[in-house]
Amino acid sequence: MKKMYNKFAVDTFLGGLELLKIQLTKKQLKQFSIYLEELTRWNTKFNLIGPATDEEIVKKHFLDSLSVFSAFPVADSWLPISVLDIGSGAGFPGVPLKIVKPEISLTLLDSSRKKTEFLRHFLKKLDVEAEIICDSAENASKKSTKKYCNWRYGRDGKYNTFRIFYN
């Protein structure tokens, strides 16, 4: 990882990936490194996730997001998967899942303009494709005609809902 700032953060991330049984390519490791760098930089200006050290970002955001990986459906030509991450904020859990499973179609939904601008900026840097919508969940749900199942992702009493669409 090019710039994962300190050895403890790198060791924490690699150890967490091993526990989750996730193997990443060099490209994916680089994407997480860029994610950490951009999130840290933008967070000082816009308070995207609150104060956090590199290790806290790795544990509470990257690894938490990937904790659902083993239960995540497998996308293939018979069952393409589209994910709608509602209240995406700084991209959790949708972007880490997209980095690890690039075959999914990802939509990030957040009502905050500053957060959706951050997402647009850093997804370009990551070379990750996703649709980004700045709107409320209520408004967006009125426009959707897809069938989905809800997954809830959360820690510390805060929940982020992401929906998996079966096309």
Foldseek 3Di string as FASTA:
>chain_A
DPPLPDPVLVVLLVVLCVVLVADDDPLLVVLVRLLLVLCVVVCVVPVQPHDDDSNCCSPVFLSLLCNCVVVDDDADPVWAKEKEWAQCRQNPNNPSVCSRVVRHAYEYEEQDPSRLVSVVVSCVVSVHDYHYYNDHPVVVVVVDDFDWDWDWRDDPPDIIIMTMTTD
